[in-house]
N, C-alpha and C. Protein backbone atom coordinates (compact mmCIF):
# COMPACT_ATOMS: atom_id res chain seq x y z
N UNK A 1 -31.15 5.82 37.92
CA UNK A 1 -29.89 5.14 37.67
C UNK A 1 -29.93 4.48 36.29
N UNK A 2 -28.93 4.70 35.47
CA UNK A 2 -28.91 4.09 34.14
C UNK A 2 -28.89 2.57 34.22
N UNK A 3 -29.56 1.96 33.27
CA UNK A 3 -29.55 0.49 33.19
C UNK A 3 -28.28 0.03 32.51
N UNK A 4 -27.82 -1.14 32.90
CA UNK A 4 -26.60 -1.73 32.33
C UNK A 4 -26.99 -2.61 31.14
N UNK A 5 -26.26 -2.43 30.05
CA UNK A 5 -26.57 -3.14 28.81
C UNK A 5 -25.40 -4.03 28.41
N UNK A 6 -25.73 -5.27 28.07
CA UNK A 6 -24.76 -6.23 27.57
C UNK A 6 -25.09 -6.48 26.10
N UNK A 7 -24.17 -6.11 25.21
CA UNK A 7 -24.35 -6.38 23.79
C UNK A 7 -23.55 -7.62 23.44
N UNK A 8 -24.28 -8.68 23.12
CA UNK A 8 -23.66 -9.92 22.67
C UNK A 8 -23.56 -9.82 21.15
N UNK A 9 -22.36 -9.54 20.69
CA UNK A 9 -22.12 -9.29 19.28
C UNK A 9 -21.57 -10.55 18.63
N UNK A 10 -22.18 -10.96 17.52
CA UNK A 10 -21.74 -12.17 16.83
C UNK A 10 -21.65 -11.91 15.33
N UNK A 11 -20.43 -11.83 14.85
CA UNK A 11 -20.18 -11.69 13.41
C UNK A 11 -18.89 -12.45 13.09
N UNK A 12 -18.98 -13.52 12.30
CA UNK A 12 -17.81 -14.34 12.04
C UNK A 12 -16.77 -13.70 11.12
N UNK A 13 -17.13 -12.62 10.44
CA UNK A 13 -16.19 -11.96 9.52
C UNK A 13 -16.36 -10.45 9.63
N UNK A 14 -16.09 -9.92 10.80
CA UNK A 14 -16.30 -8.50 11.06
C UNK A 14 -15.56 -7.61 10.08
N UNK A 15 -14.38 -8.03 9.66
CA UNK A 15 -13.60 -7.21 8.73
C UNK A 15 -14.31 -7.02 7.39
N UNK A 16 -15.25 -7.88 7.05
CA UNK A 16 -16.01 -7.76 5.80
C UNK A 16 -17.32 -7.00 5.99
N UNK A 17 -17.67 -6.71 7.21
CA UNK A 17 -18.94 -6.06 7.50
C UNK A 17 -18.86 -4.55 7.28
N UNK A 18 -19.82 -4.02 6.58
CA UNK A 18 -19.91 -2.57 6.42
C UNK A 18 -20.82 -2.00 7.51
N UNK A 19 -21.92 -2.67 7.77
CA UNK A 19 -22.94 -2.13 8.67
C UNK A 19 -22.67 -2.48 10.12
N UNK A 20 -22.53 -3.76 10.45
CA UNK A 20 -22.36 -4.15 11.85
C UNK A 20 -21.11 -3.53 12.47
N UNK A 21 -20.07 -3.38 11.69
CA UNK A 21 -18.85 -2.76 12.20
C UNK A 21 -19.13 -1.31 12.64
N UNK A 22 -19.93 -0.58 11.85
CA UNK A 22 -20.26 0.80 12.19
C UNK A 22 -21.24 0.87 13.38
N UNK A 23 -22.19 -0.06 13.42
CA UNK A 23 -23.12 -0.09 14.55
C UNK A 23 -22.36 -0.32 15.84
N UNK A 24 -21.45 -1.26 15.80
CA UNK A 24 -20.65 -1.59 16.98
C UNK A 24 -19.81 -0.39 17.42
N UNK A 25 -19.18 0.28 16.48
CA UNK A 25 -18.34 1.44 16.79
C UNK A 25 -19.16 2.56 17.44
N UNK A 26 -20.42 2.66 17.08
CA UNK A 26 -21.28 3.73 17.60
C UNK A 26 -21.64 3.54 19.07
N UNK A 27 -21.52 2.32 19.59
CA UNK A 27 -21.97 2.05 20.97
C UNK A 27 -20.89 1.50 21.88
N UNK A 28 -19.75 1.12 21.34
CA UNK A 28 -18.78 0.38 22.15
C UNK A 28 -18.16 1.18 23.29
N UNK A 29 -18.17 2.48 23.22
CA UNK A 29 -17.57 3.28 24.29
C UNK A 29 -18.59 3.98 25.17
N UNK A 30 -19.84 3.60 25.08
CA UNK A 30 -20.86 4.22 25.91
C UNK A 30 -20.77 3.72 27.35
N UNK A 31 -20.89 4.63 28.27
CA UNK A 31 -20.90 4.26 29.69
C UNK A 31 -22.10 3.37 29.98
N UNK A 32 -21.87 2.32 30.74
CA UNK A 32 -22.94 1.40 31.11
C UNK A 32 -23.24 0.35 30.06
N UNK A 33 -22.48 0.35 28.97
CA UNK A 33 -22.68 -0.60 27.88
C UNK A 33 -21.43 -1.46 27.75
N UNK A 34 -21.63 -2.77 27.85
CA UNK A 34 -20.51 -3.71 27.67
C UNK A 34 -20.72 -4.44 26.34
N UNK A 35 -19.76 -4.31 25.45
CA UNK A 35 -19.80 -5.03 24.18
C UNK A 35 -18.98 -6.31 24.34
N UNK A 36 -19.62 -7.41 24.05
CA UNK A 36 -18.98 -8.72 24.19
C UNK A 36 -18.98 -9.37 22.81
N UNK A 37 -17.83 -9.38 22.15
CA UNK A 37 -17.68 -9.94 20.81
C UNK A 37 -17.42 -11.45 20.95
N UNK A 38 -18.44 -12.23 20.66
CA UNK A 38 -18.33 -13.68 20.86
C UNK A 38 -17.26 -14.32 19.99
N UNK A 39 -17.13 -13.88 18.74
CA UNK A 39 -16.13 -14.47 17.86
C UNK A 39 -14.71 -14.07 18.26
N UNK A 40 -14.57 -12.89 18.82
CA UNK A 40 -13.25 -12.47 19.29
C UNK A 40 -12.87 -13.21 20.57
N UNK A 41 -13.82 -13.33 21.49
CA UNK A 41 -13.54 -13.97 22.77
C UNK A 41 -13.48 -15.50 22.71
N UNK A 42 -14.17 -16.08 21.73
CA UNK A 42 -14.21 -17.54 21.63
C UNK A 42 -13.86 -18.00 20.21
N UNK A 43 -12.65 -17.70 19.74
CA UNK A 43 -12.28 -18.11 18.38
C UNK A 43 -12.27 -19.62 18.19
N UNK A 44 -12.10 -20.36 19.27
CA UNK A 44 -12.10 -21.81 19.20
C UNK A 44 -13.51 -22.39 19.38
N UNK A 45 -14.49 -21.53 19.68
CA UNK A 45 -15.87 -21.98 19.85
C UNK A 45 -16.20 -22.53 21.22
N UNK A 46 -15.23 -22.56 22.14
CA UNK A 46 -15.48 -23.09 23.47
C UNK A 46 -15.93 -21.95 24.39
N UNK A 47 -17.19 -21.96 24.74
CA UNK A 47 -17.81 -20.89 25.51
C UNK A 47 -17.68 -21.15 27.00
N UNK A 48 -17.27 -20.14 27.74
CA UNK A 48 -17.16 -20.20 29.19
C UNK A 48 -18.55 -19.90 29.77
N UNK A 49 -19.30 -20.94 30.04
CA UNK A 49 -20.70 -20.80 30.44
C UNK A 49 -20.84 -20.00 31.74
N UNK A 50 -20.04 -20.29 32.73
CA UNK A 50 -20.14 -19.56 34.01
C UNK A 50 -19.87 -18.07 33.81
N UNK A 51 -18.87 -17.73 33.02
CA UNK A 51 -18.56 -16.33 32.74
C UNK A 51 -19.74 -15.65 32.06
N UNK A 52 -20.33 -16.34 31.11
CA UNK A 52 -21.46 -15.77 30.36
C UNK A 52 -22.69 -15.59 31.26
N UNK A 53 -22.96 -16.56 32.09
CA UNK A 53 -24.10 -16.45 33.00
C UNK A 53 -23.89 -15.32 34.00
N UNK A 54 -22.67 -15.17 34.48
CA UNK A 54 -22.35 -14.07 35.41
C UNK A 54 -22.59 -12.72 34.72
N UNK A 55 -22.13 -12.59 33.48
CA UNK A 55 -22.34 -11.33 32.74
C UNK A 55 -23.82 -11.03 32.57
N UNK A 56 -24.62 -12.05 32.31
CA UNK A 56 -26.06 -11.84 32.17
C UNK A 56 -26.68 -11.32 33.46
N UNK A 57 -26.27 -11.89 34.58
CA UNK A 57 -26.85 -11.46 35.86
C UNK A 57 -26.45 -10.04 36.22
N UNK A 58 -25.34 -9.56 35.68
CA UNK A 58 -24.84 -8.22 36.01
C UNK A 58 -25.41 -7.11 35.13
N UNK A 59 -26.27 -7.47 34.17
CA UNK A 59 -26.82 -6.48 33.25
C UNK A 59 -28.35 -6.53 33.27
N UNK A 60 -28.95 -5.41 32.92
CA UNK A 60 -30.41 -5.28 32.92
C UNK A 60 -31.02 -5.56 31.55
N UNK A 61 -30.25 -5.28 30.51
CA UNK A 61 -30.72 -5.42 29.13
C UNK A 61 -29.67 -6.20 28.35
N UNK A 62 -30.15 -7.13 27.54
CA UNK A 62 -29.27 -7.92 26.68
C UNK A 62 -29.62 -7.59 25.24
N UNK A 63 -28.59 -7.35 24.44
CA UNK A 63 -28.78 -7.10 23.01
C UNK A 63 -28.09 -8.22 22.25
N UNK A 64 -28.85 -8.86 21.37
CA UNK A 64 -28.27 -9.85 20.46
C UNK A 64 -28.04 -9.13 19.15
N UNK A 65 -26.82 -8.71 18.88
CA UNK A 65 -26.49 -7.98 17.65
C UNK A 65 -25.74 -8.89 16.71
N UNK A 66 -26.26 -9.01 15.48
CA UNK A 66 -25.64 -9.91 14.50
C UNK A 66 -26.21 -9.66 13.11
N UNK A 67 -25.49 -10.13 12.10
CA UNK A 67 -26.09 -10.13 10.77
C UNK A 67 -27.18 -11.20 10.73
N UNK A 68 -28.14 -11.01 9.89
CA UNK A 68 -29.25 -11.95 9.76
C UNK A 68 -28.90 -12.96 8.67
N UNK A 69 -28.20 -14.04 9.07
CA UNK A 69 -27.75 -15.08 8.15
C UNK A 69 -28.78 -16.18 8.03
N UNK A 70 -29.20 -16.49 6.84
CA UNK A 70 -30.14 -17.57 6.60
C UNK A 70 -31.31 -17.56 7.60
N UNK A 71 -31.86 -16.38 7.79
CA UNK A 71 -33.04 -16.18 8.64
C UNK A 71 -32.77 -16.50 10.11
N UNK A 72 -31.54 -16.35 10.52
CA UNK A 72 -31.17 -16.64 11.90
C UNK A 72 -29.88 -15.89 12.25
N UNK A 73 -29.21 -16.39 13.24
CA UNK A 73 -27.96 -15.76 13.70
C UNK A 73 -26.75 -16.59 13.25
N UNK A 74 -25.57 -16.00 13.30
CA UNK A 74 -24.37 -16.81 13.10
C UNK A 74 -24.32 -17.93 14.14
N UNK A 75 -23.66 -19.00 13.79
CA UNK A 75 -23.71 -20.22 14.60
C UNK A 75 -23.21 -20.05 16.03
N UNK A 76 -22.25 -19.18 16.28
CA UNK A 76 -21.72 -19.05 17.64
C UNK A 76 -22.75 -18.44 18.59
N UNK A 77 -23.59 -17.56 18.10
CA UNK A 77 -24.65 -17.03 18.97
C UNK A 77 -25.65 -18.13 19.31
N UNK A 78 -25.98 -18.97 18.36
CA UNK A 78 -26.88 -20.09 18.64
C UNK A 78 -26.23 -21.05 19.64
N UNK A 79 -24.95 -21.32 19.47
CA UNK A 79 -24.22 -22.17 20.42
C UNK A 79 -24.24 -21.54 21.81
N UNK A 80 -24.04 -20.23 21.87
CA UNK A 80 -24.08 -19.50 23.13
C UNK A 80 -25.44 -19.69 23.79
N UNK A 81 -26.52 -19.53 23.03
CA UNK A 81 -27.86 -19.71 23.59
C UNK A 81 -28.05 -21.13 24.11
N UNK A 82 -27.62 -22.10 23.33
CA UNK A 82 -27.79 -23.51 23.72
C UNK A 82 -27.06 -23.84 25.03
N UNK A 83 -25.87 -23.28 25.20
CA UNK A 83 -25.06 -23.62 26.37
C UNK A 83 -25.32 -22.74 27.59
N UNK A 84 -25.61 -21.48 27.38
CA UNK A 84 -25.72 -20.51 28.48
C UNK A 84 -27.12 -20.43 29.06
N UNK A 85 -28.13 -20.50 28.22
CA UNK A 85 -29.51 -20.35 28.68
C UNK A 85 -30.06 -21.70 29.13
N UNK A 86 -29.56 -22.17 30.25
CA UNK A 86 -29.87 -23.51 30.73
C UNK A 86 -31.05 -23.53 31.71
N UNK A 87 -31.60 -24.73 31.82
CA UNK A 87 -32.68 -24.98 32.78
C UNK A 87 -32.15 -24.72 34.19
N UNK A 88 -32.94 -24.02 34.97
CA UNK A 88 -32.54 -23.71 36.34
C UNK A 88 -31.83 -22.37 36.45
N UNK A 89 -31.19 -21.94 35.38
CA UNK A 89 -30.57 -20.61 35.36
C UNK A 89 -31.47 -19.64 34.59
N UNK A 90 -31.78 -19.98 33.36
CA UNK A 90 -32.53 -19.06 32.51
C UNK A 90 -34.03 -19.36 32.46
N UNK A 91 -34.40 -20.58 32.74
CA UNK A 91 -35.82 -20.96 32.67
C UNK A 91 -36.05 -22.21 33.51
N UNK A 92 -37.34 -22.52 33.71
CA UNK A 92 -37.68 -23.79 34.33
C UNK A 92 -37.94 -23.75 35.82
N UNK A 93 -37.63 -22.66 36.47
CA UNK A 93 -37.94 -22.53 37.89
C UNK A 93 -38.71 -21.23 38.07
N UNK A 94 -39.27 -21.06 39.24
CA UNK A 94 -40.08 -19.88 39.50
C UNK A 94 -39.28 -18.58 39.40
N UNK A 95 -38.11 -18.54 39.99
CA UNK A 95 -37.28 -17.34 39.98
C UNK A 95 -35.98 -17.60 39.23
N UNK A 96 -36.01 -17.34 37.96
CA UNK A 96 -34.80 -17.54 37.16
C UNK A 96 -33.95 -16.27 37.19
N UNK A 97 -32.70 -16.41 36.82
CA UNK A 97 -31.75 -15.29 36.87
C UNK A 97 -32.05 -14.20 35.85
N UNK A 98 -32.84 -14.51 34.82
CA UNK A 98 -33.08 -13.54 33.75
C UNK A 98 -34.47 -12.91 33.79
N UNK A 99 -35.29 -13.37 34.72
CA UNK A 99 -36.67 -12.89 34.80
C UNK A 99 -36.71 -11.37 34.94
N UNK A 100 -37.48 -10.72 34.06
CA UNK A 100 -37.66 -9.28 34.11
C UNK A 100 -36.65 -8.48 33.31
N UNK A 101 -35.59 -9.12 32.82
CA UNK A 101 -34.62 -8.40 31.99
C UNK A 101 -35.22 -8.18 30.60
N UNK A 102 -34.66 -7.24 29.88
CA UNK A 102 -35.14 -6.94 28.53
C UNK A 102 -34.14 -7.46 27.51
N UNK A 103 -34.67 -7.81 26.32
CA UNK A 103 -33.84 -8.30 25.22
C UNK A 103 -34.19 -7.52 23.96
N UNK A 104 -33.14 -7.08 23.27
CA UNK A 104 -33.29 -6.41 21.98
C UNK A 104 -32.50 -7.20 20.94
N UNK A 105 -33.11 -7.52 19.83
CA UNK A 105 -32.40 -8.10 18.71
C UNK A 105 -32.04 -6.95 17.77
N UNK A 106 -30.77 -6.83 17.43
CA UNK A 106 -30.30 -5.80 16.50
C UNK A 106 -29.65 -6.51 15.32
N UNK A 107 -30.28 -6.42 14.16
CA UNK A 107 -29.80 -7.18 13.01
C UNK A 107 -29.64 -6.31 11.77
N UNK A 108 -28.81 -6.80 10.87
CA UNK A 108 -28.67 -6.21 9.54
C UNK A 108 -29.02 -7.29 8.53
N UNK A 109 -29.87 -6.94 7.57
CA UNK A 109 -30.27 -7.88 6.52
C UNK A 109 -29.77 -7.41 5.17
N UNK A 110 -29.56 -8.35 4.28
CA UNK A 110 -29.19 -8.00 2.92
C UNK A 110 -30.41 -7.61 2.10
N UNK A 111 -31.58 -8.09 2.50
CA UNK A 111 -32.81 -7.83 1.75
C UNK A 111 -33.46 -6.50 2.11
N UNK A 112 -34.29 -6.05 1.21
CA UNK A 112 -35.03 -4.81 1.43
C UNK A 112 -36.16 -5.05 2.44
N UNK A 113 -36.64 -3.97 3.01
CA UNK A 113 -37.74 -4.08 3.97
C UNK A 113 -38.96 -4.72 3.33
N UNK A 114 -39.30 -4.33 2.10
CA UNK A 114 -40.49 -4.87 1.44
C UNK A 114 -40.34 -6.35 1.10
N UNK A 115 -39.12 -6.87 1.01
CA UNK A 115 -38.94 -8.28 0.68
C UNK A 115 -39.33 -9.20 1.85
N UNK A 116 -39.47 -8.64 3.03
CA UNK A 116 -39.89 -9.42 4.20
C UNK A 116 -41.39 -9.22 4.42
N UNK A 117 -42.15 -9.88 3.55
CA UNK A 117 -43.60 -9.77 3.54
C UNK A 117 -44.15 -11.09 2.99
N UNK A 118 -45.33 -11.53 3.44
CA UNK A 118 -45.87 -12.81 2.99
C UNK A 118 -45.97 -12.98 1.47
N UNK A 119 -46.20 -11.90 0.74
CA UNK A 119 -46.32 -12.00 -0.71
C UNK A 119 -45.02 -11.72 -1.45
N UNK A 120 -43.94 -11.57 -0.73
CA UNK A 120 -42.67 -11.24 -1.37
C UNK A 120 -41.65 -12.37 -1.24
N UNK A 121 -40.46 -12.09 -1.68
CA UNK A 121 -39.38 -13.07 -1.79
C UNK A 121 -39.15 -13.88 -0.52
N UNK A 122 -39.10 -13.24 0.63
CA UNK A 122 -38.78 -13.93 1.87
C UNK A 122 -39.98 -14.57 2.57
N UNK A 123 -41.20 -14.29 2.09
CA UNK A 123 -42.44 -14.95 2.52
C UNK A 123 -42.90 -14.66 3.93
N UNK A 124 -42.06 -14.10 4.76
CA UNK A 124 -42.42 -13.82 6.15
C UNK A 124 -41.94 -12.44 6.54
N UNK A 125 -42.54 -11.89 7.57
CA UNK A 125 -42.06 -10.62 8.11
C UNK A 125 -40.82 -10.88 8.97
N UNK A 126 -40.06 -9.83 9.21
CA UNK A 126 -38.90 -9.97 10.10
C UNK A 126 -39.35 -10.48 11.46
N UNK A 127 -40.43 -9.92 11.97
CA UNK A 127 -40.90 -10.33 13.30
C UNK A 127 -41.26 -11.82 13.33
N UNK A 128 -41.86 -12.32 12.24
CA UNK A 128 -42.16 -13.74 12.18
C UNK A 128 -40.88 -14.58 12.15
N UNK A 129 -39.90 -14.13 11.39
CA UNK A 129 -38.65 -14.87 11.29
C UNK A 129 -37.84 -14.83 12.59
N UNK A 130 -38.06 -13.80 13.39
CA UNK A 130 -37.37 -13.69 14.68
C UNK A 130 -38.14 -14.36 15.82
N UNK A 131 -39.22 -15.06 15.49
CA UNK A 131 -40.04 -15.72 16.52
C UNK A 131 -39.22 -16.63 17.45
N UNK A 132 -38.23 -17.40 16.96
CA UNK A 132 -37.44 -18.21 17.90
C UNK A 132 -36.68 -17.37 18.93
N UNK A 133 -36.21 -16.19 18.54
CA UNK A 133 -35.53 -15.31 19.49
C UNK A 133 -36.53 -14.77 20.51
N UNK A 134 -37.69 -14.38 20.02
CA UNK A 134 -38.72 -13.86 20.92
C UNK A 134 -39.19 -14.94 21.89
N UNK A 135 -39.39 -16.15 21.40
CA UNK A 135 -39.84 -17.23 22.27
C UNK A 135 -38.76 -17.62 23.28
N UNK A 136 -37.49 -17.56 22.87
CA UNK A 136 -36.40 -17.82 23.81
C UNK A 136 -36.45 -16.83 24.96
N UNK A 137 -36.60 -15.54 24.62
CA UNK A 137 -36.69 -14.50 25.64
C UNK A 137 -37.90 -14.74 26.54
N UNK A 138 -39.04 -15.05 25.94
CA UNK A 138 -40.27 -15.28 26.71
C UNK A 138 -40.11 -16.45 27.66
N UNK A 139 -39.54 -17.55 27.18
CA UNK A 139 -39.33 -18.72 28.03
C UNK A 139 -38.44 -18.39 29.22
N UNK A 140 -37.51 -17.46 29.00
CA UNK A 140 -36.59 -17.05 30.07
C UNK A 140 -37.18 -15.96 30.97
N UNK A 141 -38.44 -15.59 30.74
CA UNK A 141 -39.09 -14.57 31.56
C UNK A 141 -38.63 -13.16 31.24
N UNK A 142 -38.07 -12.99 30.06
CA UNK A 142 -37.54 -11.69 29.65
C UNK A 142 -38.56 -10.96 28.76
N UNK A 143 -38.43 -9.67 28.71
CA UNK A 143 -39.29 -8.86 27.83
C UNK A 143 -38.58 -8.67 26.50
N UNK A 144 -39.20 -9.13 25.42
CA UNK A 144 -38.61 -9.01 24.08
C UNK A 144 -39.05 -7.68 23.47
N UNK A 145 -38.10 -6.85 23.15
CA UNK A 145 -38.38 -5.52 22.61
C UNK A 145 -38.51 -5.57 21.09
N UNK A 146 -39.12 -4.54 20.54
CA UNK A 146 -39.23 -4.42 19.08
C UNK A 146 -37.83 -4.45 18.48
N UNK A 147 -37.57 -5.33 17.52
CA UNK A 147 -36.22 -5.46 16.97
C UNK A 147 -35.72 -4.18 16.29
N UNK A 148 -34.41 -4.00 16.34
CA UNK A 148 -33.74 -2.92 15.62
C UNK A 148 -33.20 -3.55 14.34
N UNK A 149 -33.69 -3.11 13.19
CA UNK A 149 -33.36 -3.75 11.93
C UNK A 149 -32.83 -2.73 10.93
N UNK A 150 -31.72 -3.09 10.30
CA UNK A 150 -31.18 -2.33 9.18
C UNK A 150 -31.34 -3.21 7.94
N UNK A 151 -32.10 -2.73 6.97
CA UNK A 151 -32.31 -3.47 5.72
C UNK A 151 -31.33 -3.00 4.65
N UNK A 152 -31.23 -3.80 3.59
CA UNK A 152 -30.39 -3.45 2.42
C UNK A 152 -28.94 -3.21 2.78
N UNK A 153 -28.42 -3.96 3.72
CA UNK A 153 -27.06 -3.72 4.23
C UNK A 153 -26.01 -3.69 3.13
N UNK A 154 -26.20 -4.45 2.09
CA UNK A 154 -25.21 -4.52 1.02
C UNK A 154 -25.25 -3.30 0.09
N UNK A 155 -26.37 -2.58 0.10
CA UNK A 155 -26.55 -1.47 -0.85
C UNK A 155 -26.56 -0.09 -0.22
N UNK A 156 -26.39 0.00 1.08
CA UNK A 156 -26.43 1.31 1.74
C UNK A 156 -25.19 2.13 1.39
N UNK A 157 -25.41 3.44 1.30
CA UNK A 157 -24.28 4.35 1.09
C UNK A 157 -23.58 4.57 2.43
N UNK A 158 -22.41 5.15 2.38
CA UNK A 158 -21.67 5.45 3.62
C UNK A 158 -22.48 6.37 4.51
N UNK A 159 -23.16 7.36 3.93
CA UNK A 159 -24.00 8.27 4.73
C UNK A 159 -25.17 7.54 5.37
N UNK A 160 -25.78 6.62 4.64
CA UNK A 160 -26.90 5.85 5.21
C UNK A 160 -26.44 4.96 6.35
N UNK A 161 -25.25 4.40 6.22
CA UNK A 161 -24.71 3.57 7.31
C UNK A 161 -24.42 4.43 8.53
N UNK A 162 -23.87 5.61 8.32
CA UNK A 162 -23.61 6.54 9.43
C UNK A 162 -24.92 6.91 10.13
N UNK A 163 -25.96 7.17 9.36
CA UNK A 163 -27.27 7.50 9.94
C UNK A 163 -27.83 6.31 10.73
N UNK A 164 -27.69 5.11 10.19
CA UNK A 164 -28.16 3.91 10.88
C UNK A 164 -27.41 3.71 12.19
N UNK A 165 -26.10 3.94 12.16
CA UNK A 165 -25.29 3.80 13.37
C UNK A 165 -25.72 4.81 14.43
N UNK A 166 -26.05 6.00 14.02
CA UNK A 166 -26.52 7.02 14.97
C UNK A 166 -27.89 6.63 15.55
N UNK A 167 -28.77 6.09 14.71
CA UNK A 167 -30.07 5.61 15.22
C UNK A 167 -29.87 4.50 16.24
N UNK A 168 -28.91 3.60 15.98
CA UNK A 168 -28.61 2.51 16.91
C UNK A 168 -28.08 3.08 18.22
N UNK A 169 -27.16 4.01 18.12
CA UNK A 169 -26.60 4.66 19.32
C UNK A 169 -27.72 5.29 20.14
N UNK A 170 -28.62 6.00 19.49
CA UNK A 170 -29.72 6.65 20.20
C UNK A 170 -30.67 5.62 20.83
N UNK A 171 -30.87 4.51 20.15
CA UNK A 171 -31.70 3.43 20.70
C UNK A 171 -31.07 2.86 21.97
N UNK A 172 -29.78 2.59 21.93
CA UNK A 172 -29.07 2.04 23.09
C UNK A 172 -29.07 3.05 24.23
N UNK A 173 -28.83 4.32 23.92
CA UNK A 173 -28.85 5.36 24.96
C UNK A 173 -30.23 5.46 25.61
N UNK A 174 -31.28 5.41 24.80
CA UNK A 174 -32.65 5.48 25.32
C UNK A 174 -32.94 4.30 26.24
N UNK A 175 -32.52 3.12 25.85
CA UNK A 175 -32.71 1.94 26.71
C UNK A 175 -31.92 2.08 28.00
N UNK A 176 -30.69 2.50 27.87
CA UNK A 176 -29.83 2.66 29.06
C UNK A 176 -30.42 3.68 30.04
N UNK A 177 -30.91 4.77 29.48
CA UNK A 177 -31.40 5.87 30.31
C UNK A 177 -32.88 5.78 30.64
N UNK A 178 -33.49 4.64 30.28
CA UNK A 178 -34.88 4.33 30.61
C UNK A 178 -35.88 5.27 29.96
N UNK A 179 -35.58 5.75 28.78
CA UNK A 179 -36.57 6.55 28.05
C UNK A 179 -37.71 5.63 27.65
N UNK A 180 -38.89 6.18 27.53
CA UNK A 180 -40.04 5.35 27.23
C UNK A 180 -40.04 4.87 25.78
N UNK A 181 -39.47 5.63 24.87
CA UNK A 181 -39.40 5.24 23.47
C UNK A 181 -37.96 5.23 23.00
N UNK A 182 -37.38 4.04 22.70
CA UNK A 182 -36.00 4.01 22.19
C UNK A 182 -35.92 4.54 20.77
């Protein structure tokens, strides 16, 4: 049976996005995949916590898809985490609602892959910079998957973006269909 995937998409200016817009388009109509655009659903910033917790319980895999702004996520995704991933629901008890679910971070960066290295401009690897996301998943009893990263988002050609979107689609399909390697 295919696994159900919830993509929590957070981009405050989707109309300006070249990469995330294409990634989203590549997966939004896949069976078993629910795309939840936080900025579209919560333009006022008021998050319906019960609705969000219900959606989490109804899916097997959660994807945090967003641009990598200032080494983190756009503010609404952070607000979502603060309000939705509460003690007693997501962590803090023996049997939490998220235990055993998988989490994938899917990000686009403006920097090159080599710039995310201890001796380079960004001083840390992507995996090191995503440590708060990984630790959040771990605290919630979730399995944190290897991140899906698109580098050089500002400099990619249209063909490169199309290829990246297809890789993302194949990754989501592999997760949905329980392939061993996404």
